Amino acid sequence: MTFGESIRSVLSQYVTFSGRASRSEFWWFFLFLVLLDVVLRVLAAVLQFSLRYSGIGLLVFLALLLPYLAVSVRRLHDSERSGGWLAGLVLAYLGALLLLLVGLVGASVEGGPGDLADNFHNGDFVGFAVAVVLGGAALLGTIVMWAVQMSRRSTTGPNRYGPHPLLPSALPAPSPQGPATRSPWGGSDPPH
């Protein structure tokens, strides 16, 4: 599947959580999202406005969130995994992010920046530092687990979620407007 085919496929199945998605379909769409983010950030810098306050970034995020979640679930289906894996990964990511933020905010607020060395020596800072390290490690681990799950090999042939997405049996049937076929008994049959 090519870059353009992937984008068309994902956007045409905007909220379709059933079926399967190939690795190429998922990763090309993921690249599209990364490139779109870069383009929006460059435009924001050139035009000197903040994506955060303009609402454009939020609108783009909201518009592409559902297709991204749908293709992610279909990608998990392709390797015989349920969409529950995605929910687990999202919850683990949010938990790790919360732990990291608690540590960072606690370390920056506790005693103020001028008292950082005093807080460390008194032991007040250690708990927040541990939260930062554990949160960062958990965040990295969650990202690695997500990448591994999205990169798993497809199951061969059909599975309980449908036919293989790249095999001819998974492709749509030819349109009825196709060319007439020759009948084995002579003459021409109308297209079916």
N, C-alpha and C. Protein backbone atom coordinates (compact mmCIF):
# COMPACT_ATOMS: atom_id res chain seq x y z
N MET A 1 0.85 -1.17 0.00
CA MET A 1 0.00 0.00 0.00
C MET A 1 0.90 1.23 0.00
N THR A 2 0.55 2.20 -0.82
CA THR A 2 1.35 3.42 -0.93
C THR A 2 0.88 4.46 0.08
N PHE A 3 1.62 5.55 0.15
CA PHE A 3 1.31 6.65 1.06
C PHE A 3 -0.11 7.17 0.80
N GLY A 4 -0.41 7.51 -0.45
CA GLY A 4 -1.72 8.05 -0.81
C GLY A 4 -2.85 7.06 -0.59
N GLU A 5 -2.61 5.80 -0.96
CA GLU A 5 -3.62 4.76 -0.76
C GLU A 5 -3.94 4.59 0.73
N SER A 6 -2.91 4.68 1.55
CA SER A 6 -3.11 4.55 2.99
C SER A 6 -3.99 5.66 3.53
N ILE A 7 -3.70 6.89 3.15
CA ILE A 7 -4.48 8.03 3.65
C ILE A 7 -5.93 7.90 3.18
N ARG A 8 -6.13 7.54 1.89
CA ARG A 8 -7.49 7.37 1.38
C ARG A 8 -8.21 6.25 2.12
N SER A 9 -7.52 5.15 2.35
CA SER A 9 -8.13 4.01 3.02
C SER A 9 -8.54 4.36 4.45
N VAL A 10 -7.66 5.01 5.18
CA VAL A 10 -7.96 5.34 6.58
C VAL A 10 -9.10 6.36 6.65
N LEU A 11 -9.04 7.39 5.82
CA LEU A 11 -10.08 8.42 5.88
C LEU A 11 -11.41 7.93 5.34
N SER A 12 -11.39 6.96 4.41
CA SER A 12 -12.66 6.41 3.91
C SER A 12 -13.30 5.48 4.94
N GLN A 13 -12.51 4.97 5.87
CA GLN A 13 -13.01 4.14 6.97
C GLN A 13 -12.93 4.94 8.27
N TYR A 14 -13.41 6.17 8.25
CA TYR A 14 -13.20 7.16 9.29
C TYR A 14 -13.40 6.62 10.70
N VAL A 15 -14.50 5.94 10.95
CA VAL A 15 -14.76 5.40 12.29
C VAL A 15 -15.05 3.89 12.22
N THR A 16 -14.41 3.20 11.31
CA THR A 16 -14.60 1.76 11.19
C THR A 16 -13.57 1.06 12.07
N PHE A 17 -14.06 0.48 13.15
CA PHE A 17 -13.18 -0.20 14.09
C PHE A 17 -13.14 -1.70 13.84
N SER A 18 -13.93 -2.19 12.91
CA SER A 18 -13.93 -3.61 12.59
C SER A 18 -13.05 -3.86 11.38
N GLY A 19 -12.60 -5.09 11.22
CA GLY A 19 -11.75 -5.43 10.10
C GLY A 19 -10.29 -5.34 10.48
N ARG A 20 -9.44 -5.30 9.46
CA ARG A 20 -8.00 -5.34 9.66
C ARG A 20 -7.32 -4.25 8.85
N ALA A 21 -6.15 -3.81 9.32
CA ALA A 21 -5.33 -2.83 8.61
C ALA A 21 -3.91 -3.36 8.55
N SER A 22 -3.30 -3.25 7.39
CA SER A 22 -1.93 -3.74 7.22
C SER A 22 -0.94 -2.80 7.92
N ARG A 23 0.27 -3.30 8.09
CA ARG A 23 1.32 -2.45 8.69
C ARG A 23 1.56 -1.22 7.84
N SER A 24 1.60 -1.42 6.53
CA SER A 24 1.88 -0.27 5.66
C SER A 24 0.77 0.78 5.76
N GLU A 25 -0.48 0.34 5.84
CA GLU A 25 -1.58 1.30 5.98
C GLU A 25 -1.42 2.10 7.26
N PHE A 26 -1.14 1.45 8.37
CA PHE A 26 -0.99 2.15 9.65
C PHE A 26 0.21 3.09 9.64
N TRP A 27 1.38 2.59 9.25
CA TRP A 27 2.59 3.40 9.36
C TRP A 27 2.63 4.55 8.35
N TRP A 28 2.05 4.35 7.15
CA TRP A 28 1.97 5.48 6.22
C TRP A 28 1.06 6.56 6.79
N PHE A 29 -0.06 6.17 7.39
CA PHE A 29 -0.96 7.16 7.98
C PHE A 29 -0.29 7.84 9.17
N PHE A 30 0.45 7.10 9.96
CA PHE A 30 1.18 7.69 11.08
C PHE A 30 2.19 8.72 10.56
N LEU A 31 2.91 8.41 9.47
CA LEU A 31 3.84 9.36 8.86
C LEU A 31 3.09 10.60 8.39
N PHE A 32 1.92 10.41 7.81
CA PHE A 32 1.09 11.54 7.37
C PHE A 32 0.77 12.46 8.55
N LEU A 33 0.42 11.87 9.71
CA LEU A 33 0.11 12.68 10.89
C LEU A 33 1.33 13.45 11.37
N VAL A 34 2.50 12.81 11.36
CA VAL A 34 3.73 13.48 11.78
C VAL A 34 4.06 14.62 10.83
N LEU A 35 3.97 14.37 9.52
CA LEU A 35 4.26 15.41 8.53
C LEU A 35 3.26 16.56 8.64
N LEU A 36 2.00 16.25 8.86
CA LEU A 36 0.99 17.29 9.03
C LEU A 36 1.30 18.15 10.25
N ASP A 37 1.73 17.53 11.33
CA ASP A 37 2.11 18.27 12.54
C ASP A 37 3.29 19.20 12.25
N VAL A 38 4.28 18.69 11.53
CA VAL A 38 5.44 19.52 11.20
C VAL A 38 5.02 20.70 10.34
N VAL A 39 4.19 20.46 9.33
CA VAL A 39 3.73 21.54 8.45
C VAL A 39 2.96 22.59 9.24
N LEU A 40 2.08 22.15 10.12
CA LEU A 40 1.31 23.10 10.92
C LEU A 40 2.21 23.92 11.84
N ARG A 41 3.21 23.28 12.40
CA ARG A 41 4.14 24.01 13.29
C ARG A 41 4.99 25.02 12.51
N VAL A 42 5.43 24.64 11.32
CA VAL A 42 6.21 25.57 10.48
C VAL A 42 5.33 26.75 10.06
N LEU A 43 4.10 26.46 9.64
CA LEU A 43 3.19 27.55 9.28
C LEU A 43 2.93 28.47 10.46
N ALA A 44 2.75 27.89 11.62
CA ALA A 44 2.52 28.72 12.82
C ALA A 44 3.72 29.60 13.11
N ALA A 45 4.93 29.07 12.91
CA ALA A 45 6.14 29.86 13.16
C ALA A 45 6.28 30.96 12.11
N VAL A 46 6.02 30.63 10.87
CA VAL A 46 6.16 31.63 9.80
C VAL A 46 5.11 32.73 9.94
N LEU A 47 3.89 32.33 10.25
CA LEU A 47 2.81 33.31 10.37
C LEU A 47 2.74 33.92 11.77
N GLN A 48 3.61 33.48 12.65
CA GLN A 48 3.74 33.99 14.01
C GLN A 48 2.43 33.94 14.80
N PHE A 49 1.83 32.76 14.83
CA PHE A 49 0.69 32.55 15.70
C PHE A 49 0.86 31.21 16.41
N SER A 50 0.20 31.10 17.51
CA SER A 50 0.33 29.89 18.32
C SER A 50 -0.77 28.90 17.97
N LEU A 51 -0.37 27.68 17.62
CA LEU A 51 -1.36 26.64 17.34
C LEU A 51 -2.18 26.35 18.59
N ARG A 52 -1.56 26.50 19.74
CA ARG A 52 -2.22 26.20 21.00
C ARG A 52 -3.41 27.14 21.22
N TYR A 53 -3.25 28.41 20.88
CA TYR A 53 -4.30 29.38 21.17
C TYR A 53 -5.20 29.67 19.98
N SER A 54 -4.79 29.27 18.79
CA SER A 54 -5.60 29.57 17.61
C SER A 54 -6.74 28.58 17.45
N GLY A 55 -6.61 27.39 17.98
CA GLY A 55 -7.65 26.38 17.84
C GLY A 55 -7.47 25.51 16.61
N ILE A 56 -6.58 25.90 15.69
CA ILE A 56 -6.36 25.12 14.48
C ILE A 56 -5.77 23.75 14.83
N GLY A 57 -4.78 23.76 15.70
CA GLY A 57 -4.16 22.50 16.11
C GLY A 57 -5.17 21.58 16.78
N LEU A 58 -6.03 22.14 17.62
CA LEU A 58 -7.06 21.34 18.30
C LEU A 58 -8.06 20.78 17.30
N LEU A 59 -8.47 21.59 16.33
CA LEU A 59 -9.42 21.11 15.32
C LEU A 59 -8.83 19.98 14.48
N VAL A 60 -7.57 20.12 14.08
CA VAL A 60 -6.91 19.07 13.31
C VAL A 60 -6.78 17.81 14.15
N PHE A 61 -6.39 17.97 15.41
CA PHE A 61 -6.27 16.83 16.32
C PHE A 61 -7.61 16.11 16.46
N LEU A 62 -8.67 16.85 16.71
CA LEU A 62 -9.99 16.25 16.89
C LEU A 62 -10.49 15.59 15.60
N ALA A 63 -10.21 16.21 14.46
CA ALA A 63 -10.66 15.66 13.18
C ALA A 63 -9.97 14.35 12.84
N LEU A 64 -8.72 14.19 13.27
CA LEU A 64 -7.96 12.99 12.90
C LEU A 64 -7.82 11.98 14.04
N LEU A 65 -8.37 12.29 15.22
CA LEU A 65 -8.27 11.36 16.34
C LEU A 65 -9.04 10.06 16.09
N LEU A 66 -10.29 10.16 15.65
CA LEU A 66 -11.08 8.96 15.42
C LEU A 66 -10.51 8.07 14.32
N PRO A 67 -10.11 8.63 13.16
CA PRO A 67 -9.51 7.73 12.17
C PRO A 67 -8.21 7.09 12.66
N TYR A 68 -7.44 7.82 13.46
CA TYR A 68 -6.21 7.25 14.00
C TYR A 68 -6.52 6.11 14.96
N LEU A 69 -7.49 6.30 15.85
CA LEU A 69 -7.88 5.24 16.77
C LEU A 69 -8.45 4.03 16.02
N ALA A 70 -9.24 4.31 14.97
CA ALA A 70 -9.84 3.22 14.19
C ALA A 70 -8.78 2.40 13.48
N VAL A 71 -7.82 3.06 12.84
CA VAL A 71 -6.77 2.30 12.13
C VAL A 71 -5.87 1.59 13.13
N SER A 72 -5.71 2.14 14.32
CA SER A 72 -4.91 1.47 15.35
C SER A 72 -5.59 0.17 15.80
N VAL A 73 -6.89 0.23 16.01
CA VAL A 73 -7.63 -0.97 16.42
C VAL A 73 -7.59 -2.00 15.29
N ARG A 74 -7.81 -1.55 14.04
CA ARG A 74 -7.74 -2.49 12.92
C ARG A 74 -6.35 -3.08 12.76
N ARG A 75 -5.31 -2.30 13.09
CA ARG A 75 -3.94 -2.81 13.03
C ARG A 75 -3.74 -3.92 14.07
N LEU A 76 -4.26 -3.71 15.27
CA LEU A 76 -4.19 -4.74 16.30
C LEU A 76 -4.95 -5.99 15.86
N HIS A 77 -6.10 -5.79 15.23
CA HIS A 77 -6.88 -6.93 14.72
C HIS A 77 -6.07 -7.73 13.71
N ASP A 78 -5.25 -7.07 12.93
CA ASP A 78 -4.48 -7.75 11.89
C ASP A 78 -3.49 -8.75 12.48
N SER A 79 -3.04 -8.49 13.70
CA SER A 79 -2.12 -9.43 14.35
C SER A 79 -2.85 -10.24 15.43
N GLU A 80 -4.18 -10.39 15.25
CA GLU A 80 -5.02 -11.23 16.12
C GLU A 80 -5.08 -10.71 17.56
N ARG A 81 -5.10 -9.38 17.72
CA ARG A 81 -5.22 -8.77 19.04
C ARG A 81 -6.52 -7.95 19.07
N SER A 82 -7.12 -7.87 20.25
CA SER A 82 -8.35 -7.09 20.37
C SER A 82 -8.02 -5.61 20.54
N GLY A 83 -9.03 -4.77 20.33
CA GLY A 83 -8.86 -3.34 20.53
C GLY A 83 -8.62 -2.96 21.98
N GLY A 84 -8.86 -3.90 22.90
CA GLY A 84 -8.59 -3.65 24.32
C GLY A 84 -7.12 -3.36 24.58
N TRP A 85 -6.25 -3.89 23.72
CA TRP A 85 -4.81 -3.59 23.86
C TRP A 85 -4.58 -2.08 23.74
N LEU A 86 -5.28 -1.44 22.83
CA LEU A 86 -5.10 0.00 22.64
C LEU A 86 -5.58 0.75 23.88
N ALA A 87 -6.70 0.33 24.45
CA ALA A 87 -7.19 0.98 25.67
C ALA A 87 -6.18 0.80 26.80
N GLY A 88 -5.61 -0.38 26.93
CA GLY A 88 -4.59 -0.61 27.95
C GLY A 88 -3.36 0.25 27.74
N LEU A 89 -2.92 0.37 26.49
CA LEU A 89 -1.75 1.20 26.19
C LEU A 89 -2.02 2.67 26.48
N VAL A 90 -3.21 3.14 26.14
CA VAL A 90 -3.56 4.55 26.41
C VAL A 90 -3.61 4.80 27.91
N LEU A 91 -4.21 3.88 28.67
CA LEU A 91 -4.27 4.06 30.13
C LEU A 91 -2.86 4.02 30.74
N ALA A 92 -2.02 3.11 30.28
CA ALA A 92 -0.64 3.04 30.79
C ALA A 92 0.11 4.33 30.45
N TYR A 93 -0.08 4.85 29.24
CA TYR A 93 0.58 6.09 28.82
C TYR A 93 0.13 7.26 29.70
N LEU A 94 -1.19 7.36 29.92
CA LEU A 94 -1.70 8.47 30.74
C LEU A 94 -1.23 8.35 32.18
N GLY A 95 -1.17 7.13 32.72
CA GLY A 95 -0.67 6.93 34.08
C GLY A 95 0.79 7.33 34.20
N ALA A 96 1.60 6.93 33.22
CA ALA A 96 3.02 7.28 33.24
C ALA A 96 3.20 8.79 33.09
N LEU A 97 2.41 9.39 32.23
CA LEU A 97 2.49 10.84 32.04
C LEU A 97 2.09 11.58 33.32
N LEU A 98 1.07 11.10 34.00
CA LEU A 98 0.65 11.71 35.26
C LEU A 98 1.74 11.60 36.32
N LEU A 99 2.35 10.42 36.44
CA LEU A 99 3.44 10.23 37.39
C LEU A 99 4.61 11.17 37.09
N LEU A 100 4.95 11.29 35.81
CA LEU A 100 6.04 12.18 35.40
C LEU A 100 5.70 13.63 35.73
N LEU A 101 4.48 14.06 35.44
CA LEU A 101 4.09 15.44 35.71
C LEU A 101 4.05 15.74 37.21
N VAL A 102 3.56 14.79 38.00
CA VAL A 102 3.55 14.98 39.47
C VAL A 102 4.97 15.18 39.97
N GLY A 103 5.90 14.37 39.48
CA GLY A 103 7.29 14.51 39.89
C GLY A 103 7.89 15.83 39.47
N LEU A 104 7.62 16.24 38.22
CA LEU A 104 8.18 17.50 37.72
C LEU A 104 7.60 18.71 38.44
N VAL A 105 6.29 18.72 38.62
CA VAL A 105 5.66 19.84 39.30
C VAL A 105 6.09 19.88 40.77
N GLY A 106 6.11 18.72 41.41
CA GLY A 106 6.53 18.67 42.81
C GLY A 106 7.97 19.11 43.00
N ALA A 107 8.84 18.73 42.09
CA ALA A 107 10.25 19.11 42.20
C ALA A 107 10.43 20.60 41.97
N SER A 108 9.63 21.19 41.10
CA SER A 108 9.81 22.61 40.81
C SER A 108 9.14 23.49 41.86
N VAL A 109 8.09 23.00 42.52
CA VAL A 109 7.37 23.80 43.50
C VAL A 109 7.97 23.66 44.89
N GLU A 110 8.39 22.48 45.25
CA GLU A 110 8.89 22.17 46.60
C GLU A 110 10.07 23.07 46.95
N GLY A 111 9.84 24.09 47.73
CA GLY A 111 10.92 24.94 48.22
C GLY A 111 11.40 25.98 47.23
N GLY A 112 10.93 25.96 46.02
CA GLY A 112 11.35 26.93 45.02
C GLY A 112 12.68 26.56 44.42
N PRO A 113 13.03 27.15 43.29
CA PRO A 113 14.27 26.79 42.60
C PRO A 113 15.52 27.13 43.40
N GLY A 114 15.47 28.14 44.23
CA GLY A 114 16.65 28.51 45.00
C GLY A 114 16.97 27.51 46.09
N ASP A 115 15.96 26.77 46.55
CA ASP A 115 16.15 25.80 47.62
C ASP A 115 16.33 24.37 47.11
N LEU A 116 16.62 24.22 45.83
CA LEU A 116 16.71 22.89 45.24
C LEU A 116 17.78 22.04 45.93
N ALA A 117 18.95 22.60 46.16
CA ALA A 117 20.02 21.84 46.81
C ALA A 117 19.66 21.52 48.25
N ASP A 118 19.05 22.47 48.96
CA ASP A 118 18.64 22.22 50.34
C ASP A 118 17.59 21.12 50.42
N ASN A 119 16.62 21.15 49.49
CA ASN A 119 15.57 20.14 49.48
C ASN A 119 16.16 18.75 49.21
N PHE A 120 17.14 18.68 48.33
CA PHE A 120 17.75 17.40 48.01
C PHE A 120 18.48 16.84 49.23
N HIS A 121 19.21 17.70 49.91
CA HIS A 121 19.94 17.25 51.10
C HIS A 121 19.00 16.88 52.25
N ASN A 122 17.88 17.55 52.36
CA ASN A 122 16.92 17.24 53.42
C ASN A 122 16.05 16.02 53.08
N GLY A 123 16.12 15.54 51.88
CA GLY A 123 15.33 14.38 51.47
C GLY A 123 13.96 14.73 50.94
N ASP A 124 13.59 16.01 50.92
CA ASP A 124 12.27 16.39 50.42
C ASP A 124 12.17 16.18 48.91
N PHE A 125 13.27 16.34 48.24
CA PHE A 125 13.30 16.31 46.77
C PHE A 125 13.35 14.89 46.22
N VAL A 126 13.82 13.93 47.00
CA VAL A 126 14.08 12.58 46.51
C VAL A 126 12.81 11.91 46.00
N GLY A 127 11.71 12.06 46.71
CA GLY A 127 10.45 11.45 46.29
C GLY A 127 10.01 11.94 44.93
N PHE A 128 10.16 13.24 44.69
CA PHE A 128 9.77 13.79 43.40
C PHE A 128 10.73 13.33 42.30
N ALA A 129 12.01 13.22 42.64
CA ALA A 129 12.99 12.75 41.65
C ALA A 129 12.69 11.30 41.26
N VAL A 130 12.32 10.49 42.23
CA VAL A 130 11.95 9.10 41.95
C VAL A 130 10.72 9.06 41.05
N ALA A 131 9.74 9.93 41.32
CA ALA A 131 8.53 9.99 40.49
C ALA A 131 8.87 10.37 39.06
N VAL A 132 9.81 11.31 38.89
CA VAL A 132 10.22 11.73 37.55
C VAL A 132 10.89 10.57 36.82
N VAL A 133 11.81 9.88 37.49
CA VAL A 133 12.53 8.76 36.86
C VAL A 133 11.58 7.63 36.52
N LEU A 134 10.73 7.25 37.48
CA LEU A 134 9.78 6.16 37.23
C LEU A 134 8.77 6.54 36.15
N GLY A 135 8.26 7.76 36.21
CA GLY A 135 7.30 8.21 35.20
C GLY A 135 7.92 8.26 33.81
N GLY A 136 9.15 8.76 33.72
CA GLY A 136 9.83 8.81 32.42
C GLY A 136 10.10 7.42 31.87
N ALA A 137 10.54 6.51 32.74
CA ALA A 137 10.80 5.13 32.29
C ALA A 137 9.51 4.45 31.86
N ALA A 138 8.43 4.65 32.61
CA ALA A 138 7.14 4.05 32.25
C ALA A 138 6.61 4.64 30.94
N LEU A 139 6.81 5.93 30.75
CA LEU A 139 6.38 6.58 29.51
C LEU A 139 7.14 6.02 28.32
N LEU A 140 8.44 5.89 28.45
CA LEU A 140 9.25 5.31 27.38
C LEU A 140 8.85 3.86 27.12
N GLY A 141 8.64 3.09 28.19
CA GLY A 141 8.23 1.70 28.04
C GLY A 141 6.89 1.57 27.33
N THR A 142 5.96 2.46 27.63
CA THR A 142 4.65 2.44 26.97
C THR A 142 4.78 2.75 25.49
N ILE A 143 5.62 3.71 25.14
CA ILE A 143 5.82 4.05 23.73
C ILE A 143 6.46 2.89 22.99
N VAL A 144 7.43 2.24 23.60
CA VAL A 144 8.07 1.08 22.97
C VAL A 144 7.05 -0.05 22.79
N MET A 145 6.23 -0.31 23.80
CA MET A 145 5.21 -1.36 23.70
C MET A 145 4.22 -1.04 22.58
N TRP A 146 3.81 0.23 22.46
CA TRP A 146 2.91 0.64 21.38
C TRP A 146 3.55 0.36 20.02
N ALA A 147 4.82 0.74 19.85
CA ALA A 147 5.50 0.53 18.57
C ALA A 147 5.62 -0.96 18.25
N VAL A 148 5.89 -1.78 19.26
CA VAL A 148 5.99 -3.23 19.05
C VAL A 148 4.64 -3.79 18.63
N GLN A 149 3.57 -3.39 19.30
CA GLN A 149 2.24 -3.91 18.96
C GLN A 149 1.82 -3.49 17.55
N MET A 150 2.14 -2.27 17.16
CA MET A 150 1.75 -1.79 15.83
C MET A 150 2.63 -2.37 14.72
N SER A 151 3.78 -2.92 15.09
CA SER A 151 4.71 -3.48 14.10
C SER A 151 4.62 -4.99 13.98
N ARG A 152 3.75 -5.62 14.75
CA ARG A 152 3.64 -7.08 14.69
C ARG A 152 3.26 -7.54 13.29
N ARG A 153 3.75 -8.72 12.96
CA ARG A 153 3.45 -9.33 11.66
C ARG A 153 1.97 -9.70 11.59
N SER A 154 1.41 -9.59 10.41
CA SER A 154 0.02 -9.98 10.18
C SER A 154 -0.15 -11.48 10.34
N THR A 155 -1.34 -11.89 10.75
CA THR A 155 -1.62 -13.32 10.72
C THR A 155 -1.87 -13.70 9.27
N THR A 156 -1.43 -14.87 8.88
CA THR A 156 -1.59 -15.28 7.48
C THR A 156 -3.04 -15.69 7.24
N GLY A 157 -3.54 -15.27 6.12
CA GLY A 157 -4.91 -15.61 5.76
C GLY A 157 -5.91 -14.90 6.64
N PRO A 158 -7.15 -15.35 6.58
CA PRO A 158 -8.18 -14.71 7.39
C PRO A 158 -8.01 -15.05 8.87
N ASN A 159 -8.48 -14.17 9.73
CA ASN A 159 -8.54 -14.45 11.15
C ASN A 159 -9.93 -14.06 11.65
N ARG A 160 -10.16 -14.06 12.94
CA ARG A 160 -11.51 -13.80 13.45
C ARG A 160 -11.98 -12.38 13.19
N TYR A 161 -11.09 -11.49 12.75
CA TYR A 161 -11.47 -10.11 12.47
C TYR A 161 -11.71 -9.84 10.99
N GLY A 162 -11.47 -10.84 10.15
CA GLY A 162 -11.73 -10.66 8.72
C GLY A 162 -10.61 -11.19 7.86
N PRO A 163 -10.73 -10.99 6.54
CA PRO A 163 -9.70 -11.46 5.62
C PRO A 163 -8.44 -10.61 5.73
N HIS A 164 -7.34 -11.15 5.25
CA HIS A 164 -6.08 -10.41 5.23
C HIS A 164 -6.28 -9.14 4.40
N PRO A 165 -5.84 -7.97 4.89
CA PRO A 165 -6.14 -6.72 4.20
C PRO A 165 -5.45 -6.54 2.85
N LEU A 166 -4.37 -7.26 2.58
CA LEU A 166 -3.66 -7.05 1.33
C LEU A 166 -3.82 -8.19 0.32
N LEU A 167 -4.56 -9.23 0.70
CA LEU A 167 -4.79 -10.34 -0.22
C LEU A 167 -5.97 -10.04 -1.13
N PRO A 168 -5.99 -10.62 -2.33
CA PRO A 168 -7.07 -10.32 -3.28
C PRO A 168 -8.47 -10.58 -2.73
N SER A 169 -8.63 -11.53 -1.83
CA SER A 169 -9.97 -11.81 -1.29
C SER A 169 -10.48 -10.65 -0.45
N ALA A 170 -9.58 -9.79 0.04
CA ALA A 170 -9.99 -8.65 0.86
C ALA A 170 -10.30 -7.43 0.01
N LEU A 171 -9.93 -7.47 -1.26
CA LEU A 171 -10.18 -6.33 -2.13
C LEU A 171 -11.64 -6.30 -2.53
N PRO A 172 -12.18 -5.12 -2.80
CA PRO A 172 -13.58 -5.03 -3.20
C PRO A 172 -13.80 -5.71 -4.55
N ALA A 173 -15.01 -6.19 -4.75
CA ALA A 173 -15.36 -6.83 -6.02
C ALA A 173 -15.31 -5.81 -7.14
N PRO A 174 -15.01 -6.26 -8.39
CA PRO A 174 -14.98 -5.32 -9.51
C PRO A 174 -16.35 -4.70 -9.72
N SER A 175 -16.33 -3.50 -10.25
CA SER A 175 -17.59 -2.79 -10.45
C SER A 175 -18.38 -3.41 -11.60
N PRO A 176 -19.71 -3.27 -11.55
CA PRO A 176 -20.53 -3.84 -12.62
C PRO A 176 -20.35 -3.12 -13.95
N GLN A 177 -19.70 -1.98 -13.96
CA GLN A 177 -19.48 -1.25 -15.20
C GLN A 177 -18.25 -1.73 -15.94
N GLY A 178 -17.63 -2.82 -15.49
CA GLY A 178 -16.42 -3.34 -16.13
C GLY A 178 -16.72 -3.86 -17.53
N PRO A 179 -15.69 -4.27 -18.26
CA PRO A 179 -15.89 -4.71 -19.64
C PRO A 179 -16.67 -6.03 -19.70
N ALA A 180 -17.34 -6.26 -20.82
CA ALA A 180 -18.08 -7.50 -21.02
C ALA A 180 -17.09 -8.66 -21.11
N THR A 181 -17.52 -9.82 -20.64
CA THR A 181 -16.65 -10.99 -20.69
C THR A 181 -17.15 -11.96 -21.75
N ARG A 182 -16.26 -12.77 -22.27
CA ARG A 182 -16.64 -13.78 -23.26
C ARG A 182 -17.24 -14.97 -22.53
N SER A 183 -18.34 -15.44 -23.01
CA SER A 183 -19.00 -16.61 -22.45
C SER A 183 -18.29 -17.85 -22.95
N PRO A 184 -18.18 -18.89 -22.12
CA PRO A 184 -17.56 -20.12 -22.60
C PRO A 184 -18.36 -20.76 -23.74
N TRP A 185 -19.62 -20.35 -23.94
CA TRP A 185 -20.44 -20.91 -25.00
C TRP A 185 -20.50 -20.00 -26.21
N GLY A 186 -19.64 -19.01 -26.23
CA GLY A 186 -19.63 -18.08 -27.37
C GLY A 186 -20.45 -16.85 -27.03
N GLY A 187 -20.25 -15.84 -27.79
CA GLY A 187 -20.99 -14.61 -27.55
C GLY A 187 -20.40 -13.84 -26.39
N SER A 188 -21.14 -12.87 -25.97
CA SER A 188 -20.66 -11.99 -24.90
C SER A 188 -21.67 -11.94 -23.79
N ASP A 189 -21.22 -12.11 -22.58
CA ASP A 189 -22.09 -12.00 -21.41
C ASP A 189 -22.02 -10.58 -20.89
N PRO A 190 -23.14 -10.08 -20.40
CA PRO A 190 -23.06 -8.76 -19.76
C PRO A 190 -22.28 -8.88 -18.45
N PRO A 191 -21.68 -7.80 -18.03
CA PRO A 191 -20.94 -7.85 -16.76
C PRO A 191 -21.86 -8.18 -15.61
N HIS A 192 -21.33 -8.86 -14.61
CA HIS A 192 -22.14 -9.26 -13.44
C HIS A 192 -22.03 -8.22 -12.38
